[in-house]
Amino acid sequence: MAGAALLGYLLGSVNSAVILSKLVYKKDIRLQGSGNAGMTNMQRIYGKKAALFTFLGDFCKGIVAVLLGRLLLGVFASASLHGACIAGAFAVIGHNWPLYFGFKGGKGVLTTFSVMIIIAPLPTLVAFGIFLITVILTKYVSLGSLLAAVSLPVVVFFLGDVLCTQRGLGPVFYLSLFVAVLIIARHHANIRRLLQGKESKLSLHKNKNVE
């Protein structure tokens, strides 16, 4: 279990937004825009291509963490599932508080999606649908992320894991609840701005004021 946790955390700490912004643009994304080391801020500051590479990096690390966590404890099916959940949870922790970048990372939405799409694809797709509809209707990525996070544990409780067998209270539910709480906690500033009507809306064009 400790090995799966460590592996997940180290993989999660590889923050694509920070690496890309420093290597390619010679700036730290955490000092620009919203200050968040994630895909949305990369898109706002550097455009679609930067957002795409950030997406690929953060998406892949969650998948790799889950698969390796499953392999580490793969002797028994139940242990394999626990390994996947632990590695996935710590991958999100690593993304939010990366070891390599001063423990200042992103909000974990994309990494959560990549972790959960492997462990519980159907509930994750339902939550993603809620995210997508919310963003299309309101243009608020943060609101979509929050509503998806709130819905995820509820849907997991009724639908279960990849085989639809882990319904109710169990490792998959507790994982979904854990990552949902993390996402909500990391969006505290967004929640305040939403309530004040000051939250930024999604734009497909990068900020032209950025040098």
C-alpha atoms as a PDB file:
ATOM      1  CA  MET A   1       0.000   0.000   0.000  1.00  0.00           C
ATOM      2  CA  ALA A   2       2.824   2.391   0.898  1.00  0.00           C
ATOM      3  CA  GLY A   3       4.515   1.660  -2.414  1.00  0.00           C
ATOM      4  CA  ALA A   4       1.347   2.484  -4.351  1.00  0.00           C
ATOM      5  CA  ALA A   5       0.941   5.721  -2.388  1.00  0.00           C
ATOM      6  CA  LEU A   6       4.555   6.782  -2.967  1.00  0.00           C
ATOM      7  CA  LEU A   7       4.433   5.890  -6.644  1.00  0.00           C
ATOM      8  CA  GLY A   8       1.193   7.786  -7.132  1.00  0.00           C
ATOM      9  CA  TYR A   9       2.494  10.853  -5.328  1.00  0.00           C
ATOM     10  CA  LEU A  10       5.773  10.979  -7.271  1.00  0.00           C
ATOM     11  CA  LEU A  11       3.970  10.619 -10.595  1.00  0.00           C
ATOM     12  CA  GLY A  12       1.357  13.178  -9.609  1.00  0.00           C
ATOM     13  CA  SER A  13       4.085  15.651  -8.682  1.00  0.00           C
ATOM     14  CA  VAL A  14       5.142  15.837 -12.337  1.00  0.00           C
ATOM     15  CA  ASN A  15       3.145  18.970 -13.126  1.00  0.00           C
ATOM     16  CA  SER A  16       2.905  19.473 -16.886  1.00  0.00           C
ATOM     17  CA  ALA A  17       1.836  23.112 -16.682  1.00  0.00           C
ATOM     18  CA  VAL A  18       4.807  24.146 -14.560  1.00  0.00           C
ATOM     19  CA  ILE A  19       7.299  22.157 -16.637  1.00  0.00           C
ATOM     20  CA  LEU A  20       5.953  23.417 -19.963  1.00  0.00           C
ATOM     21  CA  SER A  21       5.732  27.050 -18.893  1.00  0.00           C
ATOM     22  CA  LYS A  22       9.293  27.033 -17.579  1.00  0.00           C
ATOM     23  CA  LEU A  23      10.917  25.076 -20.405  1.00  0.00           C
ATOM     24  CA  VAL A  24       9.086  26.556 -23.383  1.00  0.00           C
ATOM     25  CA  TYR A  25       7.927  29.991 -22.259  1.00  0.00           C
ATOM     26  CA  LYS A  26      10.651  30.661 -19.659  1.00  0.00           C
ATOM     27  CA  LYS A  27       8.055  31.735 -17.107  1.00  0.00           C
ATOM     28  CA  ASP A  28       6.261  30.100 -14.210  1.00  0.00           C
ATOM     29  CA  ILE A  29       2.549  29.675 -14.909  1.00  0.00           C
ATOM     30  CA  ARG A  30       1.920  29.921 -11.164  1.00  0.00           C
ATOM     31  CA  LEU A  31       2.939  33.583 -11.343  1.00  0.00           C
ATOM     32  CA  GLN A  32       0.586  34.402 -14.212  1.00  0.00           C
ATOM     33  CA  GLY A  33      -3.136  34.620 -14.777  1.00  0.00           C
ATOM     34  CA  SER A  34      -5.098  32.896 -12.041  1.00  0.00           C
ATOM     35  CA  GLY A  35      -1.892  31.467 -10.591  1.00  0.00           C
ATOM     36  CA  ASN A  36      -3.153  27.922 -11.031  1.00  0.00           C
ATOM     37  CA  ALA A  37      -0.822  25.316 -12.509  1.00  0.00           C
ATOM     38  CA  GLY A  38      -3.435  23.693 -14.715  1.00  0.00           C
ATOM     39  CA  MET A  39      -4.812  23.395 -18.225  1.00  0.00           C
ATOM     40  CA  THR A  40      -7.341  26.256 -18.045  1.00  0.00           C
ATOM     41  CA  ASN A  41      -4.758  28.812 -16.951  1.00  0.00           C
ATOM     42  CA  MET A  42      -2.305  27.541 -19.580  1.00  0.00           C
ATOM     43  CA  GLN A  43      -4.969  28.018 -22.247  1.00  0.00           C
ATOM     44  CA  ARG A  44      -5.739  31.539 -21.081  1.00  0.00           C
ATOM     45  CA  ILE A  45      -2.085  32.563 -20.977  1.00  0.00           C
ATOM     46  CA  TYR A  46      -0.400  30.571 -23.763  1.00  0.00           C
ATOM     47  CA  GLY A  47      -3.209  29.282 -25.962  1.00  0.00           C
ATOM     48  CA  LYS A  48      -4.652  26.011 -27.208  1.00  0.00           C
ATOM     49  CA  LYS A  49      -1.402  24.206 -28.015  1.00  0.00           C
ATOM     50  CA  ALA A  50      -0.023  24.742 -24.516  1.00  0.00           C
ATOM     51  CA  ALA A  51      -3.342  23.606 -23.054  1.00  0.00           C
ATOM     52  CA  LEU A  52      -3.273  20.453 -25.190  1.00  0.00           C
ATOM     53  CA  PHE A  53       0.189  19.412 -24.017  1.00  0.00           C
ATOM     54  CA  THR A  54      -0.791  20.169 -20.432  1.00  0.00           C
ATOM     55  CA  PHE A  55      -3.877  18.014 -20.874  1.00  0.00           C
ATOM     56  CA  LEU A  56      -1.870  15.104 -22.260  1.00  0.00           C
ATOM     57  CA  GLY A  57       0.687  15.221 -19.459  1.00  0.00           C
ATOM     58  CA  ASP A  58      -1.783  15.495 -16.591  1.00  0.00           C
ATOM     59  CA  PHE A  59      -4.157  12.960 -18.119  1.00  0.00           C
ATOM     60  CA  CYS A  60      -1.484  10.350 -18.761  1.00  0.00           C
ATOM     61  CA  LYS A  61       0.113  10.542 -15.318  1.00  0.00           C
ATOM     62  CA  GLY A  62      -3.179   9.712 -13.612  1.00  0.00           C
ATOM     63  CA  ILE A  63      -3.706   6.696 -15.841  1.00  0.00           C
ATOM     64  CA  VAL A  64      -0.141   5.453 -15.349  1.00  0.00           C
ATOM     65  CA  ALA A  65      -0.419   5.865 -11.571  1.00  0.00           C
ATOM     66  CA  VAL A  66      -3.625   3.808 -11.424  1.00  0.00           C
ATOM     67  CA  LEU A  67      -2.297   1.045 -13.669  1.00  0.00           C
ATOM     68  CA  LEU A  68       0.993   0.756 -11.779  1.00  0.00           C
ATOM     69  CA  GLY A  69      -0.824   0.841  -8.445  1.00  0.00           C
ATOM     70  CA  ARG A  70      -3.010  -1.997  -9.673  1.00  0.00           C
ATOM     71  CA  LEU A  71       0.040  -3.986 -10.783  1.00  0.00           C
ATOM     72  CA  LEU A  72       1.863  -3.489  -7.486  1.00  0.00           C
ATOM     73  CA  LEU A  73      -0.952  -5.131  -5.564  1.00  0.00           C
ATOM     74  CA  GLY A  74      -2.311  -7.259  -8.365  1.00  0.00           C
ATOM     75  CA  VAL A  75      -2.099 -10.701  -6.761  1.00  0.00           C
ATOM     76  CA  PHE A  76      -5.700 -10.511  -5.589  1.00  0.00           C
ATOM     77  CA  ALA A  77      -8.539  -8.642  -7.287  1.00  0.00           C
ATOM     78  CA  SER A  78      -9.519  -6.744  -4.131  1.00  0.00           C
ATOM     79  CA  ALA A  79      -5.910  -5.772  -3.413  1.00  0.00           C
ATOM     80  CA  SER A  80      -5.505  -4.681  -7.022  1.00  0.00           C
ATOM     81  CA  LEU A  81      -8.477  -2.339  -6.706  1.00  0.00           C
ATOM     82  CA  HIS A  82      -7.174  -0.935  -3.427  1.00  0.00           C
ATOM     83  CA  GLY A  83      -3.771  -0.355  -5.027  1.00  0.00           C
ATOM     84  CA  ALA A  84      -5.354   1.499  -7.930  1.00  0.00           C
ATOM     85  CA  CYS A  85      -7.425   3.680  -5.592  1.00  0.00           C
ATOM     86  CA  ILE A  86      -4.495   4.518  -3.328  1.00  0.00           C
ATOM     87  CA  ALA A  87      -2.161   5.333  -6.225  1.00  0.00           C
ATOM     88  CA  GLY A  88      -4.889   7.417  -7.848  1.00  0.00           C
ATOM     89  CA  ALA A  89      -5.623   9.369  -4.679  1.00  0.00           C
ATOM     90  CA  PHE A  90      -1.958  10.167  -4.155  1.00  0.00           C
ATOM     91  CA  ALA A  91      -1.524  11.135  -7.804  1.00  0.00           C
ATOM     92  CA  VAL A  92      -4.117  13.859  -7.226  1.00  0.00           C
ATOM     93  CA  ILE A  93      -2.372  14.877  -3.993  1.00  0.00           C
ATOM     94  CA  GLY A  94       0.922  15.056  -5.883  1.00  0.00           C
ATOM     95  CA  HIS A  95      -0.616  17.223  -8.578  1.00  0.00           C
ATOM     96  CA  ASN A  96      -2.024  19.624  -6.003  1.00  0.00           C
ATOM     97  CA  TRP A  97       1.076  19.668  -3.790  1.00  0.00           C
ATOM     98  CA  PRO A  98       3.994  18.594  -6.019  1.00  0.00           C
ATOM     99  CA  LEU A  99       7.218  17.515  -4.368  1.00  0.00           C
ATOM    100  CA  TYR A 100       9.335  18.937  -7.194  1.00  0.00           C
ATOM    101  CA  PHE A 101       7.774  22.399  -7.303  1.00  0.00           C
ATOM    102  CA  GLY A 102       7.583  23.654  -3.744  1.00  0.00           C
ATOM    103  CA  PHE A 103       4.278  21.897  -3.001  1.00  0.00           C
ATOM    104  CA  LYS A 104       2.397  24.477  -5.071  1.00  0.00           C
ATOM    105  CA  GLY A 105       0.468  22.846  -7.898  1.00  0.00           C
ATOM    106  CA  GLY A 106      -2.937  22.757  -9.533  1.00  0.00           C
ATOM    107  CA  LYS A 107      -6.472  21.921  -8.490  1.00  0.00           C
ATOM    108  CA  GLY A 108      -6.486  18.293  -9.545  1.00  0.00           C
ATOM    109  CA  VAL A 109      -9.539  18.265 -11.802  1.00  0.00           C
ATOM    110  CA  LEU A 110      -7.912  16.751 -14.877  1.00  0.00           C
ATOM    111  CA  THR A 111      -5.809  14.302 -12.885  1.00  0.00           C
ATOM    112  CA  THR A 112      -8.930  13.248 -10.993  1.00  0.00           C
ATOM    113  CA  PHE A 113     -10.702  12.662 -14.298  1.00  0.00           C
ATOM    114  CA  SER A 114      -7.890  10.464 -15.623  1.00  0.00           C
ATOM    115  CA  VAL A 115      -7.761   8.454 -12.387  1.00  0.00           C
ATOM    116  CA  MET A 116     -11.506   7.935 -12.164  1.00  0.00           C
ATOM    117  CA  ILE A 117     -12.054   7.171 -15.860  1.00  0.00           C
ATOM    118  CA  ILE A 118      -9.935   4.031 -15.403  1.00  0.00           C
ATOM    119  CA  ILE A 119     -11.399   2.948 -12.072  1.00  0.00           C
ATOM    120  CA  ALA A 120     -15.051   3.939 -12.573  1.00  0.00           C
ATOM    121  CA  PRO A 121     -15.618   4.979 -16.198  1.00  0.00           C
ATOM    122  CA  LEU A 122     -19.414   5.182 -16.269  1.00  0.00           C
ATOM    123  CA  PRO A 123     -19.819   7.417 -13.183  1.00  0.00           C
ATOM    124  CA  THR A 124     -16.920   9.540 -14.401  1.00  0.00           C
ATOM    125  CA  LEU A 125     -18.551  10.044 -17.786  1.00  0.00           C
ATOM    126  CA  VAL A 126     -21.784  11.075 -16.063  1.00  0.00           C
ATOM    127  CA  ALA A 127     -19.856  13.624 -13.972  1.00  0.00           C
ATOM    128  CA  PHE A 128     -18.034  14.798 -17.099  1.00  0.00           C
ATOM    129  CA  GLY A 129     -21.383  15.284 -18.823  1.00  0.00           C
ATOM    130  CA  ILE A 130     -22.479  17.503 -15.934  1.00  0.00           C
ATOM    131  CA  PHE A 131     -19.212  19.440 -16.252  1.00  0.00           C
ATOM    132  CA  LEU A 132     -19.628  19.844 -20.000  1.00  0.00           C
ATOM    133  CA  ILE A 133     -23.252  20.996 -19.857  1.00  0.00           C
ATOM    134  CA  THR A 134     -22.439  23.482 -17.087  1.00  0.00           C
ATOM    135  CA  VAL A 135     -19.496  24.976 -18.979  1.00  0.00           C
ATOM    136  CA  ILE A 136     -21.465  25.212 -22.230  1.00  0.00           C
ATOM    137  CA  LEU A 137     -24.370  26.959 -20.509  1.00  0.00           C
ATOM    138  CA  THR A 138     -22.433  29.242 -18.154  1.00  0.00           C
ATOM    139  CA  LYS A 139     -18.851  29.438 -19.540  1.00  0.00           C
ATOM    140  CA  TYR A 140     -17.597  28.880 -15.982  1.00  0.00           C
ATOM    141  CA  VAL A 141     -15.035  26.052 -15.912  1.00  0.00           C
ATOM    142  CA  SER A 142     -14.791  26.313 -12.138  1.00  0.00           C
ATOM    143  CA  LEU A 143     -18.544  25.884 -11.669  1.00  0.00           C
ATOM    144  CA  GLY A 144     -18.532  22.887 -13.981  1.00  0.00           C
ATOM    145  CA  SER A 145     -15.659  21.363 -12.019  1.00  0.00           C
ATOM    146  CA  LEU A 146     -17.428  21.916  -8.711  1.00  0.00           C
ATOM    147  CA  LEU A 147     -20.730  20.424  -9.841  1.00  0.00           C
ATOM    148  CA  ALA A 148     -18.949  17.444 -11.378  1.00  0.00           C
ATOM    149  CA  ALA A 149     -17.023  16.923  -8.140  1.00  0.00           C
ATOM    150  CA  VAL A 150     -20.194  17.033  -6.047  1.00  0.00           C
ATOM    151  CA  SER A 151     -21.981  14.602  -8.350  1.00  0.00           C
ATOM    152  CA  LEU A 152     -19.143  12.078  -8.651  1.00  0.00           C
ATOM    153  CA  PRO A 153     -19.463  10.316  -5.255  1.00  0.00           C
ATOM    154  CA  VAL A 154     -23.239  10.196  -5.625  1.00  0.00           C
ATOM    155  CA  VAL A 155     -23.049   8.541  -9.039  1.00  0.00           C
ATOM    156  CA  VAL A 156     -20.274   6.181  -7.921  1.00  0.00           C
ATOM    157  CA  PHE A 157     -22.405   5.107  -4.959  1.00  0.00           C
ATOM    158  CA  PHE A 158     -25.141   3.893  -7.310  1.00  0.00           C
ATOM    159  CA  LEU A 159     -23.151   2.726 -10.345  1.00  0.00           C
ATOM    160  CA  GLY A 160     -19.895   1.429  -8.870  1.00  0.00           C
ATOM    161  CA  ASP A 161     -16.548   0.735 -10.539  1.00  0.00           C
ATOM    162  CA  VAL A 162     -15.458  -0.350 -14.022  1.00  0.00           C
ATOM    163  CA  LEU A 163     -17.391  -3.634 -13.704  1.00  0.00           C
ATOM    164  CA  CYS A 164     -20.325  -1.956 -11.915  1.00  0.00           C
ATOM    165  CA  THR A 165     -19.688  -4.274  -8.953  1.00  0.00           C
ATOM    166  CA  GLN A 166     -18.331  -1.880  -6.313  1.00  0.00           C
ATOM    167  CA  ARG A 167     -21.592  -0.100  -5.567  1.00  0.00           C
ATOM    168  CA  GLY A 168     -22.329   1.548  -2.234  1.00  0.00           C
ATOM    169  CA  LEU A 169     -19.662   2.184   0.371  1.00  0.00           C
ATOM    170  CA  GLY A 170     -16.289   0.820  -0.667  1.00  0.00           C
ATOM    171  CA  PRO A 171     -12.827   1.846  -1.893  1.00  0.00           C
ATOM    172  CA  VAL A 172     -14.099   3.395  -5.127  1.00  0.00           C
ATOM    173  CA  PHE A 173     -16.725   5.456  -3.312  1.00  0.00           C
ATOM    174  CA  TYR A 174     -14.233   6.649  -0.702  1.00  0.00           C
ATOM    175  CA  LEU A 175     -11.775   7.567  -3.455  1.00  0.00           C
ATOM    176  CA  SER A 176     -14.444   9.556  -5.294  1.00  0.00           C
ATOM    177  CA  LEU A 177     -15.457  11.300  -2.071  1.00  0.00           C
ATOM    178  CA  PHE A 178     -11.831  12.110  -1.241  1.00  0.00           C
ATOM    179  CA  VAL A 179     -11.003  13.630  -4.625  1.00  0.00           C
ATOM    180  CA  ALA A 180     -14.306  15.537  -4.631  1.00  0.00           C
ATOM    181  CA  VAL A 181     -13.437  17.139  -1.289  1.00  0.00           C
ATOM    182  CA  LEU A 182      -9.973  18.036  -2.613  1.00  0.00           C
ATOM    183  CA  ILE A 183     -11.427  19.681  -5.714  1.00  0.00           C
ATOM    184  CA  ILE A 184     -13.940  21.701  -3.708  1.00  0.00           C
ATOM    185  CA  ALA A 185     -11.260  22.773  -1.214  1.00  0.00           C
ATOM    186  CA  ARG A 186      -8.875  23.816  -3.993  1.00  0.00           C
ATOM    187  CA  HIS A 187     -11.621  25.920  -5.585  1.00  0.00           C
ATOM    188  CA  HIS A 188     -12.299  28.038  -2.477  1.00  0.00           C
ATOM    189  CA  ALA A 189     -11.164  31.226  -4.222  1.00  0.00           C
ATOM    190  CA  ASN A 190     -13.268  30.390  -7.289  1.00  0.00           C
ATOM    191  CA  ILE A 191     -16.314  29.826  -5.090  1.00  0.00           C
ATOM    192  CA  ARG A 192     -15.830  33.253  -3.549  1.00  0.00           C
ATOM    193  CA  ARG A 193     -15.500  34.889  -6.989  1.00  0.00           C
ATOM    194  CA  LEU A 194     -18.556  33.031  -8.280  1.00  0.00           C
ATOM    195  CA  LEU A 195     -20.614  34.333  -5.371  1.00  0.00           C
ATOM    196  CA  GLN A 196     -19.311  37.847  -6.015  1.00  0.00           C
ATOM    197  CA  GLY A 197     -19.915  37.612  -9.776  1.00  0.00           C
ATOM    198  CA  LYS A 198     -16.211  38.153 -10.475  1.00  0.00           C
ATOM    199  CA  GLU A 199     -15.218  34.728 -11.789  1.00  0.00           C
ATOM    200  CA  SER A 200     -13.550  34.620 -15.222  1.00  0.00           C
ATOM    201  CA  LYS A 201     -15.461  32.909 -18.007  1.00  0.00           C
ATOM    202  CA  LEU A 202     -13.995  30.471 -20.495  1.00  0.00           C
ATOM    203  CA  SER A 203     -12.491  31.976 -23.627  1.00  0.00           C
ATOM    204  CA  LEU A 204     -10.947  29.955 -26.443  1.00  0.00           C
ATOM    205  CA  HIS A 205      -8.468  32.724 -27.133  1.00  0.00           C
ATOM    206  CA  LYS A 206      -5.330  33.350 -25.118  1.00  0.00           C
ATOM    207  CA  ASN A 207      -4.874  36.562 -23.176  1.00  0.00           C
ATOM    208  CA  LYS A 208      -3.319  39.002 -25.638  1.00  0.00           C
ATOM    209  CA  ASN A 209      -2.032  41.153 -22.795  1.00  0.00           C
ATOM    210  CA  VAL A 210       0.473  38.473 -21.828  1.00  0.00           C
ATOM    211  CA  GLU A 211       3.928  39.147 -23.173  1.00  0.00           C
END
